């Protein structure tokens, strides 16, 4: 039987971060989902009429920079 100290040490070792294929695949899938959503949003923005853009306070020139950004360029995500 393990002593209290041995039990605590084994728990501490198992709590250390280690590589997990499942976690990595899940994170990659979530990232691709964010990129796809961002791409769709930019396509929807590009499809708005000039009148609709005016309603939200933007002009066609205002959105040109945004819709030409690459899909992986997340404007509010830093890291």
PDB file of N, CA and C in Angstrom:
ATOM      1  N   UNK A   1       0.843  -1.173   0.000  1.00  0.00           N
ATOM      2  CA  UNK A   1       0.000   0.000   0.000  1.00  0.00           C
ATOM      3  C   UNK A   1       0.895   1.246   0.000  1.00  0.00           C
ATOM      4  N   UNK A   2       0.486   2.262  -0.748  1.00  0.00           N
ATOM      5  CA  UNK A   2       1.258   3.491  -0.826  1.00  0.00           C
ATOM      6  C   UNK A   2       1.038   4.355   0.405  1.00  0.00           C
ATOM      7  N   UNK A   3       2.107   5.020   0.783  1.00  0.00           N
ATOM      8  CA  UNK A   3       1.971   5.983   1.874  1.00  0.00           C
ATOM      9  C   UNK A   3       1.288   7.231   1.335  1.00  0.00           C
ATOM     10  N   UNK A   4       0.877   8.087   2.233  1.00  0.00           N
ATOM     11  CA  UNK A   4       0.229   9.335   1.843  1.00  0.00           C
ATOM     12  C   UNK A   4       1.149  10.158   0.935  1.00  0.00           C
ATOM     13  N   UNK A   5       2.435  10.254   1.280  1.00  0.00           N
ATOM     14  CA  UNK A   5       3.388  11.039   0.493  1.00  0.00           C
ATOM     15  C   UNK A   5       3.555  10.457  -0.909  1.00  0.00           C
ATOM     16  N   UNK A   6       3.625   9.134  -1.030  1.00  0.00           N
ATOM     17  CA  UNK A   6       3.749   8.510  -2.351  1.00  0.00           C
ATOM     18  C   UNK A   6       2.507   8.754  -3.189  1.00  0.00           C
ATOM     19  N   UNK A   7       1.345   8.693  -2.562  1.00  0.00           N
ATOM     20  CA  UNK A   7       0.095   8.939  -3.275  1.00  0.00           C
ATOM     21  C   UNK A   7       0.041  10.371  -3.804  1.00  0.00           C
ATOM     22  N   UNK A   8       0.411  11.330  -2.964  1.00  0.00           N
ATOM     23  CA  UNK A   8       0.407  12.737  -3.373  1.00  0.00           C
ATOM     24  C   UNK A   8       1.396  12.958  -4.517  1.00  0.00           C
ATOM     25  N   UNK A   9       2.574  12.348  -4.442  1.00  0.00           N
ATOM     26  CA  UNK A   9       3.565  12.489  -5.509  1.00  0.00           C
ATOM     27  C   UNK A   9       3.045  11.915  -6.821  1.00  0.00           C
ATOM     28  N   UNK A  10       2.427  10.770  -6.789  1.00  0.00           N
ATOM     29  CA  UNK A  10       1.917  10.167  -8.028  1.00  0.00           C
ATOM     30  C   UNK A  10       0.796  11.010  -8.621  1.00  0.00           C
ATOM     31  N   UNK A  11      -0.028  11.606  -7.779  1.00  0.00           N
ATOM     32  CA  UNK A  11      -1.087  12.493  -8.267  1.00  0.00           C
ATOM     33  C   UNK A  11      -0.493  13.747  -8.892  1.00  0.00           C
ATOM     34  N   UNK A  12       0.550  14.286  -8.290  1.00  0.00           N
ATOM     35  CA  UNK A  12       1.200  15.488  -8.817  1.00  0.00           C
ATOM     36  C   UNK A  12       1.825  15.189 -10.170  1.00  0.00           C
ATOM     37  N   UNK A  13       2.431  14.018 -10.317  1.00  0.00           N
ATOM     38  CA  UNK A  13       3.029  13.655 -11.613  1.00  0.00           C
ATOM     39  C   UNK A  13       1.964  13.522 -12.688  1.00  0.00           C
ATOM     40  N   UNK A  14       0.828  12.947 -12.362  1.00  0.00           N
ATOM     41  CA  UNK A  14      -0.221  12.754 -13.363  1.00  0.00           C
ATOM     42  C   UNK A  14      -0.903  14.070 -13.719  1.00  0.00           C
ATOM     43  N   UNK A  15      -0.766  15.089 -12.880  1.00  0.00           N
ATOM     44  CA  UNK A  15      -1.392  16.383 -13.157  1.00  0.00           C
ATOM     45  C   UNK A  15      -0.527  17.269 -14.043  1.00  0.00           C
ATOM     46  N   UNK A  16       0.703  16.865 -14.312  1.00  0.00           N
ATOM     47  CA  UNK A  16       1.559  17.677 -15.165  1.00  0.00           C
ATOM     48  C   UNK A  16       1.093  17.573 -16.607  1.00  0.00           C
ATOM     49  N   UNK A  17       1.182  18.671 -17.349  1.00  0.00           N
ATOM     50  CA  UNK A  17       0.725  18.641 -18.736  1.00  0.00           C
ATOM     51  C   UNK A  17       1.577  17.697 -19.578  1.00  0.00           C
ATOM     52  N   UNK A  18       0.950  16.981 -20.454  1.00  0.00           N
ATOM     53  CA  UNK A  18       1.650  16.097 -21.361  1.00  0.00           C
ATOM     54  C   UNK A  18       0.906  16.073 -22.690  1.00  0.00           C
ATOM     55  N   UNK A  19       1.559  15.570 -23.696  1.00  0.00           N
ATOM     56  CA  UNK A  19       0.982  15.523 -25.026  1.00  0.00           C
ATOM     57  C   UNK A  19      -0.220  14.595 -25.053  1.00  0.00           C
ATOM     58  N   UNK A  20      -1.282  15.061 -25.635  1.00  0.00           N
ATOM     59  CA  UNK A  20      -2.473  14.235 -25.804  1.00  0.00           C
ATOM     60  C   UNK A  20      -2.945  14.391 -27.249  1.00  0.00           C
ATOM     61  N   UNK A  21      -2.937  13.300 -27.978  1.00  0.00           N
ATOM     62  CA  UNK A  21      -3.363  13.343 -29.370  1.00  0.00           C
ATOM     63  C   UNK A  21      -4.804  13.807 -29.485  1.00  0.00           C
ATOM     64  N   UNK A  22      -5.650  13.314 -28.612  1.00  0.00           N
ATOM     65  CA  UNK A  22      -7.062  13.709 -28.647  1.00  0.00           C
ATOM     66  C   UNK A  22      -7.253  15.191 -28.422  1.00  0.00           C
ATOM     67  N   UNK A  23      -6.538  15.729 -27.434  1.00  0.00           N
ATOM     68  CA  UNK A  23      -6.631  17.165 -27.143  1.00  0.00           C
ATOM     69  C   UNK A  23      -6.107  17.992 -28.317  1.00  0.00           C
ATOM     70  N   UNK A  24      -5.014  17.543 -28.912  1.00  0.00           N
ATOM     71  CA  UNK A  24      -4.432  18.267 -30.047  1.00  0.00           C
ATOM     72  C   UNK A  24      -5.367  18.255 -31.253  1.00  0.00           C
ATOM     73  N   UNK A  25      -5.968  17.110 -31.538  1.00  0.00           N
ATOM     74  CA  UNK A  25      -6.902  17.029 -32.657  1.00  0.00           C
ATOM     75  C   UNK A  25      -8.133  17.886 -32.416  1.00  0.00           C
ATOM     76  N   UNK A  26      -8.635  17.880 -31.182  1.00  0.00           N
ATOM     77  CA  UNK A  26      -9.792  18.713 -30.846  1.00  0.00           C
ATOM     78  C   UNK A  26      -9.465  20.188 -31.021  1.00  0.00           C
ATOM     79  N   UNK A  27      -8.289  20.597 -30.570  1.00  0.00           N
ATOM     80  CA  UNK A  27      -7.878  22.005 -30.708  1.00  0.00           C
ATOM     81  C   UNK A  27      -7.741  22.383 -32.179  1.00  0.00           C
ATOM     82  N   UNK A  28      -7.180  21.487 -32.986  1.00  0.00           N
ATOM     83  CA  UNK A  28      -7.028  21.760 -34.417  1.00  0.00           C
ATOM     84  C   UNK A  28      -8.401  21.873 -35.079  1.00  0.00           C
ATOM     85  N   UNK A  29      -9.317  20.977 -34.732  1.00  0.00           N
ATOM     86  CA  UNK A  29     -10.660  21.014 -35.298  1.00  0.00           C
ATOM     87  C   UNK A  29     -11.368  22.316 -34.925  1.00  0.00           C
ATOM     88  N   UNK A  30     -11.224  22.756 -33.686  1.00  0.00           N
ATOM     89  CA  UNK A  30     -11.830  24.012 -33.251  1.00  0.00           C
ATOM     90  C   UNK A  30     -11.227  25.198 -33.999  1.00  0.00           C
ATOM     91  N   UNK A  31      -9.916  25.168 -34.222  1.00  0.00           N
ATOM     92  CA  UNK A  31      -9.261  26.249 -34.956  1.00  0.00           C
ATOM     93  C   UNK A  31      -9.779  26.316 -36.389  1.00  0.00           C
ATOM     94  N   UNK A  32      -9.886  25.156 -37.039  1.00  0.00           N
ATOM     95  CA  UNK A  32     -10.421  25.140 -38.404  1.00  0.00           C
ATOM     96  C   UNK A  32     -11.857  25.643 -38.427  1.00  0.00           C
ATOM     97  N   UNK A  33     -12.617  25.325 -37.408  1.00  0.00           N
ATOM     98  CA  UNK A  33     -13.991  25.827 -37.308  1.00  0.00           C
ATOM     99  C   UNK A  33     -14.043  27.338 -37.189  1.00  0.00           C
ATOM    100  N   UNK A  34     -13.149  27.901 -36.372  1.00  0.00           N
ATOM    101  CA  UNK A  34     -13.080  29.375 -36.244  1.00  0.00           C
ATOM    102  C   UNK A  34     -12.704  30.010 -37.575  1.00  0.00           C
ATOM    103  N   UNK A  35     -11.711  29.420 -38.256  1.00  0.00           N
ATOM    104  CA  UNK A  35     -11.295  29.974 -39.552  1.00  0.00           C
ATOM    105  C   UNK A  35     -12.420  29.903 -40.575  1.00  0.00           C
ATOM    106  N   UNK A  36     -13.135  28.797 -40.582  1.00  0.00           N
ATOM    107  CA  UNK A  36     -14.242  28.664 -41.534  1.00  0.00           C
ATOM    108  C   UNK A  36     -15.339  29.682 -41.239  1.00  0.00           C
ATOM    109  N   UNK A  37     -15.668  29.868 -39.975  1.00  0.00           N
ATOM    110  CA  UNK A  37     -16.682  30.855 -39.593  1.00  0.00           C
ATOM    111  C   UNK A  37     -16.237  32.264 -39.987  1.00  0.00           C
ATOM    112  N   UNK A  38     -14.976  32.572 -39.775  1.00  0.00           N
ATOM    113  CA  UNK A  38     -14.448  33.883 -40.138  1.00  0.00           C
ATOM    114  C   UNK A  38     -14.510  34.097 -41.653  1.00  0.00           C
ATOM    115  N   UNK A  39     -14.166  33.060 -42.409  1.00  0.00           N
ATOM    116  CA  UNK A  39     -14.254  33.134 -43.873  1.00  0.00           C
ATOM    117  C   UNK A  39     -15.699  33.396 -44.313  1.00  0.00           C
ATOM    118  N   UNK A  40     -16.653  32.651 -43.718  1.00  0.00           N
ATOM    119  CA  UNK A  40     -18.069  32.837 -44.074  1.00  0.00           C
ATOM    120  C   UNK A  40     -18.551  34.242 -43.733  1.00  0.00           C
ATOM    121  N   UNK A  41     -18.136  34.758 -42.573  1.00  0.00           N
ATOM    122  CA  UNK A  41     -18.554  36.102 -42.174  1.00  0.00           C
ATOM    123  C   UNK A  41     -18.030  37.147 -43.147  1.00  0.00           C
ATOM    124  N   UNK A  42     -16.795  36.969 -43.580  1.00  0.00           N
ATOM    125  CA  UNK A  42     -16.218  37.927 -44.537  1.00  0.00           C
ATOM    126  C   UNK A  42     -16.927  37.842 -45.887  1.00  0.00           C
ATOM    127  N   UNK A  43     -17.312  36.638 -46.297  1.00  0.00           N
ATOM    128  CA  UNK A  43     -18.054  36.493 -47.548  1.00  0.00           C
ATOM    129  C   UNK A  43     -19.427  37.152 -47.440  1.00  0.00           C
ATOM    130  N   UNK A  44     -20.083  36.999 -46.292  1.00  0.00           N
ATOM    131  CA  UNK A  44     -21.378  37.627 -46.079  1.00  0.00           C
ATOM    132  C   UNK A  44     -21.244  39.143 -46.065  1.00  0.00           C
ATOM    133  N   UNK A  45     -20.208  39.649 -45.453  1.00  0.00           N
ATOM    134  CA  UNK A  45     -19.967  41.090 -45.435  1.00  0.00           C
ATOM    135  C   UNK A  45     -19.779  41.616 -46.853  1.00  0.00           C
ATOM    136  N   UNK A  46     -19.028  40.873 -47.665  1.00  0.00           N
ATOM    137  CA  UNK A  46     -18.788  41.293 -49.045  1.00  0.00           C
ATOM    138  C   UNK A  46     -20.067  41.276 -49.873  1.00  0.00           C
ATOM    139  N   UNK A  47     -21.021  40.429 -49.494  1.00  0.00           N
ATOM    140  CA  UNK A  47     -22.249  40.315 -50.283  1.00  0.00           C
ATOM    141  C   UNK A  47     -23.297  41.361 -49.926  1.00  0.00           C
ATOM    142  N   UNK A  48     -23.067  42.127 -48.869  1.00  0.00           N
ATOM    143  CA  UNK A  48     -24.036  43.151 -48.484  1.00  0.00           C
ATOM    144  C   UNK A  48     -24.079  44.264 -49.520  1.00  0.00           C
ATOM    145  N   UNK A  49     -25.269  44.786 -49.726  1.00  0.00           N
ATOM    146  CA  UNK A  49     -25.417  45.909 -50.660  1.00  0.00           C
ATOM    147  C   UNK A  49     -24.874  47.184 -50.025  1.00  0.00           C
ATOM    148  N   UNK A  50     -24.646  48.187 -50.868  1.00  0.00           N
ATOM    149  CA  UNK A  50     -24.152  49.465 -50.355  1.00  0.00           C
ATOM    150  C   UNK A  50     -25.147  50.086 -49.367  1.00  0.00           C
ATOM    151  N   UNK A  51     -26.444  49.888 -49.612  1.00  0.00           N
ATOM    152  CA  UNK A  51     -27.461  50.414 -48.702  1.00  0.00           C
ATOM    153  C   UNK A  51     -27.385  49.723 -47.334  1.00  0.00           C
ATOM    154  N   UNK A  52     -27.192  48.416 -47.357  1.00  0.00           N
ATOM    155  CA  UNK A  52     -27.076  47.680 -46.090  1.00  0.00           C
ATOM    156  C   UNK A  52     -25.825  48.102 -45.336  1.00  0.00           C
ATOM    157  N   UNK A  53     -24.741  48.285 -46.055  1.00  0.00           N
ATOM    158  CA  UNK A  53     -23.504  48.741 -45.409  1.00  0.00           C
ATOM    159  C   UNK A  53     -23.704  50.120 -44.785  1.00  0.00           C
ATOM    160  N   UNK A  54     -24.416  50.980 -45.495  1.00  0.00           N
ATOM    161  CA  UNK A  54     -24.688  52.318 -44.973  1.00  0.00           C
ATOM    162  C   UNK A  54     -25.508  52.234 -43.685  1.00  0.00           C
ATOM    163  N   UNK A  55     -26.429  51.278 -43.625  1.00  0.00           N
ATOM    164  CA  UNK A  55     -27.256  51.101 -42.422  1.00  0.00           C
ATOM    165  C   UNK A  55     -26.407  50.743 -41.199  1.00  0.00           C
ATOM    166  N   UNK A  56     -25.322  50.041 -41.393  1.00  0.00           N
ATOM    167  CA  UNK A  56     -24.459  49.675 -40.263  1.00  0.00           C
ATOM    168  C   UNK A  56     -23.262  50.616 -40.124  1.00  0.00           C
ATOM    169  N   UNK A  57     -23.271  51.692 -40.908  1.00  0.00           N
ATOM    170  CA  UNK A  57     -22.250  52.719 -40.765  1.00  0.00           C
ATOM    171  C   UNK A  57     -20.944  52.429 -41.488  1.00  0.00           C
ATOM    172  N   UNK A  58     -20.991  51.609 -42.535  1.00  0.00           N
ATOM    173  CA  UNK A  58     -19.785  51.282 -43.301  1.00  0.00           C
ATOM    174  C   UNK A  58     -19.981  51.604 -44.769  1.00  0.00           C
ATOM    175  N   UNK A  59     -18.891  51.807 -45.452  1.00  0.00           N
ATOM    176  CA  UNK A  59     -18.938  51.985 -46.896  1.00  0.00           C
ATOM    177  C   UNK A  59     -18.226  50.801 -47.543  1.00  0.00           C
ATOM    178  N   UNK A  60     -18.350  50.677 -48.835  1.00  0.00           N
ATOM    179  CA  UNK A  60     -17.684  49.593 -49.559  1.00  0.00           C
ATOM    180  C   UNK A  60     -16.170  49.691 -49.343  1.00  0.00           C
ATOM    181  N   UNK A  61     -15.638  50.886 -49.320  1.00  0.00           N
ATOM    182  CA  UNK A  61     -14.202  51.071 -49.104  1.00  0.00           C
ATOM    183  C   UNK A  61     -13.782  50.606 -47.707  1.00  0.00           C
ATOM    184  N   UNK A  62     -14.667  50.780 -46.726  1.00  0.00           N
ATOM    185  CA  UNK A  62     -14.359  50.363 -45.355  1.00  0.00           C
ATOM    186  C   UNK A  62     -14.142  48.858 -45.236  1.00  0.00           C
ATOM    187  N   UNK A  63     -14.863  48.093 -46.023  1.00  0.00           N
ATOM    188  CA  UNK A  63     -14.776  46.644 -45.866  1.00  0.00           C
ATOM    189  C   UNK A  63     -13.767  45.983 -46.797  1.00  0.00           C
ATOM    190  N   UNK A  64     -13.232  46.705 -47.746  1.00  0.00           N
ATOM    191  CA  UNK A  64     -12.271  46.116 -48.691  1.00  0.00           C
ATOM    192  C   UNK A  64     -11.089  45.472 -47.970  1.00  0.00           C
ATOM    193  N   UNK A  65     -10.542  46.144 -47.000  1.00  0.00           N
ATOM    194  CA  UNK A  65      -9.408  45.591 -46.255  1.00  0.00           C
ATOM    195  C   UNK A  65      -9.802  44.302 -45.539  1.00  0.00           C
ATOM    196  N   UNK A  66     -10.973  44.310 -44.939  1.00  0.00           N
ATOM    197  CA  UNK A  66     -11.411  43.136 -44.173  1.00  0.00           C
ATOM    198  C   UNK A  66     -11.665  41.926 -45.072  1.00  0.00           C
ATOM    199  N   UNK A  67     -12.312  42.136 -46.197  1.00  0.00           N
ATOM    200  CA  UNK A  67     -12.676  40.980 -47.023  1.00  0.00           C
ATOM    201  C   UNK A  67     -11.496  40.425 -47.817  1.00  0.00           C
ATOM    202  N   UNK A  68     -10.405  41.162 -47.885  1.00  0.00           N
ATOM    203  CA  UNK A  68      -9.232  40.649 -48.603  1.00  0.00           C
ATOM    204  C   UNK A  68      -8.212  40.005 -47.663  1.00  0.00           C
ATOM    205  N   UNK A  69      -8.497  40.005 -46.377  1.00  0.00           N
ATOM    206  CA  UNK A  69      -7.593  39.364 -45.415  1.00  0.00           C
ATOM    207  C   UNK A  69      -7.625  37.857 -45.597  1.00  0.00           C
ATOM    208  N   UNK A  70      -6.515  37.175 -45.336  1.00  0.00           N
ATOM    209  CA  UNK A  70      -6.517  35.708 -45.412  1.00  0.00           C
ATOM    210  C   UNK A  70      -7.403  35.106 -44.325  1.00  0.00           C
ATOM    211  N   UNK A  71      -7.906  33.911 -44.578  1.00  0.00           N
ATOM    212  CA  UNK A  71      -8.856  33.284 -43.647  1.00  0.00           C
ATOM    213  C   UNK A  71      -8.272  33.074 -42.262  1.00  0.00           C
ATOM    214  N   UNK A  72      -6.965  32.915 -42.149  1.00  0.00           N
ATOM    215  CA  UNK A  72      -6.362  32.642 -40.838  1.00  0.00           C
ATOM    216  C   UNK A  72      -6.068  33.912 -40.043  1.00  0.00           C
ATOM    217  N   UNK A  73      -6.268  35.067 -40.646  1.00  0.00           N
ATOM    218  CA  UNK A  73      -5.990  36.339 -39.988  1.00  0.00           C
ATOM    219  C   UNK A  73      -7.175  36.731 -39.110  1.00  0.00           C
ATOM    220  N   UNK A  74      -7.085  36.420 -37.826  1.00  0.00           N
ATOM    221  CA  UNK A  74      -8.162  36.720 -36.887  1.00  0.00           C
ATOM    222  C   UNK A  74      -7.883  38.082 -36.258  1.00  0.00           C
ATOM    223  N   UNK A  75      -8.714  39.077 -36.515  1.00  0.00           N
ATOM    224  CA  UNK A  75      -8.409  40.450 -36.080  1.00  0.00           C
ATOM    225  C   UNK A  75      -8.365  40.641 -34.570  1.00  0.00           C
ATOM    226  N   UNK A  76      -9.130  39.889 -33.796  1.00  0.00           N
ATOM    227  CA  UNK A  76      -9.189  40.130 -32.366  1.00  0.00           C
ATOM    228  C   UNK A  76      -8.445  39.083 -31.563  1.00  0.00           C
ATOM    229  N   UNK A  77      -7.803  38.162 -32.212  1.00  0.00           N
ATOM    230  CA  UNK A  77      -7.087  37.092 -31.505  1.00  0.00           C
ATOM    231  C   UNK A  77      -5.599  37.366 -31.587  1.00  0.00           C
ATOM    232  N   UNK A  78      -4.997  37.544 -30.466  1.00  0.00           N
ATOM    233  CA  UNK A  78      -3.541  37.779 -30.402  1.00  0.00           C
ATOM    234  C   UNK A  78      -2.930  36.640 -29.628  1.00  0.00           C
ATOM    235  N   UNK A  79      -1.779  36.182 -30.075  1.00  0.00           N
ATOM    236  CA  UNK A  79      -1.154  35.139 -29.303  1.00  0.00           C
ATOM    237  C   UNK A  79      -0.250  34.323 -30.045  1.00  0.00           C
TER     238      UNK A  79
END
